[in-house]
Amino acid sequence: MNQLIYLKNVVTLKLDEKKCVGCGICLLVCPHAVFRLTNGTAAIVNRDACMECGACSRNCPAEALSVQSGVGCAAAVINSKIGRKKESCCYIEPSKGKANPPECSSDSKRSSCC
């Protein structure tokens, strides 16, 4: 299965494992399955899928998560709508042994190729 990647290797998401209480709220609010509970605490298992919406950090009762808002995919979509930047914020990483995914077309009416 192909995996969505947002701004690969530049995600600002950070988890302080010492502060994490293992409540699992980050798993519930994250729209892209970035987290998993491992040994009673949250772990970042899919960092490049993070679109930096900030839902995890805003809802973490232990303040164990931080993310710099305004630099991720959500910001890219907003900036494209107001004409500041190119519209695409992500690409699809193919599964091993699969053909390359289609490129985003410049004539797309969507704000993102995803």
Protein backbone atom coordinates (compact mmCIF):
# COMPACT_ATOMS: atom_id res chain seq x y z
CA MET A 1 0.00 0.00 0.00
CA ASN A 2 1.28 3.47 -0.85
CA GLN A 3 1.95 5.87 2.01
CA LEU A 4 1.26 9.61 2.03
CA ILE A 5 4.28 11.72 2.87
CA TYR A 6 4.10 15.43 3.77
CA LEU A 7 7.21 17.57 3.28
CA LYS A 8 9.59 14.66 3.79
CA ASN A 9 12.32 14.99 6.43
CA VAL A 10 11.32 18.50 7.56
CA VAL A 11 8.55 17.78 10.06
CA THR A 12 8.98 19.74 13.31
CA LEU A 13 6.98 17.30 15.45
CA LYS A 14 8.72 16.41 18.73
CA LEU A 15 7.73 14.05 21.53
CA ASP A 16 9.18 14.26 25.03
CA GLU A 17 8.85 10.63 26.10
CA LYS A 18 9.64 11.53 29.72
CA LYS A 19 6.53 13.73 29.90
CA CYS A 20 4.19 11.32 28.08
CA VAL A 21 1.58 9.74 30.38
CA GLY A 22 0.34 7.22 27.81
CA CYS A 23 -3.22 8.55 27.62
CA GLY A 24 -3.46 7.93 23.85
CA ILE A 25 -5.18 11.22 23.02
CA CYS A 26 -2.59 11.90 20.31
CA LEU A 27 -3.65 8.67 18.58
CA LEU A 28 -7.29 9.74 18.68
CA VAL A 29 -6.80 13.25 17.29
CA CYS A 30 -4.07 12.60 14.71
CA PRO A 31 -5.67 12.31 11.24
CA HIS A 32 -2.67 10.47 9.75
CA ALA A 33 -1.72 7.70 12.22
CA VAL A 34 1.59 9.28 13.16
CA PHE A 35 1.56 7.78 16.68
CA ARG A 36 1.36 4.37 18.32
CA LEU A 37 1.29 3.41 22.00
CA THR A 38 4.36 1.35 22.80
CA ASN A 39 5.15 0.11 26.30
CA GLY A 40 2.62 2.50 27.84
CA THR A 41 3.82 5.67 26.10
CA ALA A 42 3.27 7.30 22.75
CA ALA A 43 5.82 6.81 20.01
CA ILE A 44 6.17 8.59 16.67
CA VAL A 45 6.01 5.81 14.09
CA ASN A 46 5.24 7.75 10.90
CA ARG A 47 6.84 11.21 11.24
CA ASP A 48 6.71 12.08 7.53
CA ALA A 49 2.93 11.57 7.49
CA CYS A 50 2.54 14.47 9.95
CA MET A 51 0.92 17.49 8.30
CA GLU A 52 1.71 19.66 11.32
CA CYS A 53 -1.90 20.56 12.05
CA GLY A 54 -1.09 20.75 15.77
CA ALA A 55 -4.04 18.68 16.99
CA CYS A 56 -1.77 16.39 19.00
CA SER A 57 0.11 19.16 20.80
CA ARG A 58 -3.04 21.18 21.52
CA ASN A 59 -4.75 18.16 23.07
CA CYS A 60 -1.85 16.56 24.98
CA PRO A 61 -2.62 16.95 28.71
CA ALA A 62 1.03 16.34 29.64
CA GLU A 63 2.42 18.84 27.11
CA ALA A 64 4.68 16.08 25.80
CA LEU A 65 4.20 17.03 22.15
CA SER A 66 5.30 20.09 20.24
CA VAL A 67 5.00 21.03 16.60
CA GLN A 68 5.76 24.28 14.81
CA SER A 69 2.50 25.41 13.25
CA GLY A 70 2.57 27.17 9.92
CA VAL A 71 5.23 25.10 8.18
CA GLY A 72 3.51 21.81 7.34
CA CYS A 73 1.03 20.60 4.78
CA ALA A 74 -1.86 22.51 6.33
CA ALA A 75 0.11 25.74 5.90
CA ALA A 76 1.01 24.80 2.32
CA VAL A 77 -2.65 24.36 1.42
CA ILE A 78 -3.59 27.70 3.00
CA ASN A 79 -0.68 29.51 1.31
CA SER A 80 -1.66 28.07 -2.06
CA LYS A 81 -5.23 29.32 -1.64
CA ILE A 82 -4.03 32.86 -1.02
CA GLY A 83 -1.48 32.68 -3.83
CA ARG A 84 1.76 32.62 -1.83
CA LYS A 85 3.18 29.23 -2.81
CA LYS A 86 2.87 26.29 -5.18
CA GLU A 87 -0.15 24.14 -4.44
CA SER A 88 1.31 20.70 -3.71
CA CYS A 89 2.44 19.83 -0.20
CA CYS A 90 2.98 16.11 -0.44
CA TYR A 91 3.74 13.13 -2.60
CA ILE A 92 2.92 9.46 -2.44
CA GLU A 93 5.80 7.15 -1.59
CA PRO A 94 5.35 3.85 -3.42
CA SER A 95 5.51 0.53 -1.65
CA LYS A 96 8.64 -1.49 -2.26
CA GLY A 97 8.56 -3.21 -5.63
CA LYS A 98 5.69 -1.07 -6.94
CA ALA A 99 5.66 1.36 -9.82
CA ASN A 100 6.25 5.04 -9.12
CA PRO A 101 3.10 6.95 -8.17
CA PRO A 102 1.60 9.49 -10.57
CA GLU A 103 2.95 13.02 -10.32
CA CYS A 104 0.70 15.88 -9.35
CA SER A 105 -0.48 17.71 -12.42
CA SER A 106 -0.22 21.47 -12.65
CA ASP A 107 -3.76 21.65 -14.01
CA SER A 108 -5.22 20.04 -10.90
CA LYS A 109 -8.02 22.03 -9.28
CA ARG A 110 -7.26 20.52 -5.90
CA SER A 111 -5.06 22.33 -3.39
CA SER A 112 -2.94 19.22 -3.00
CA CYS A 113 -2.18 16.05 -4.89
CA CYS A 114 -3.17 13.98 -1.88
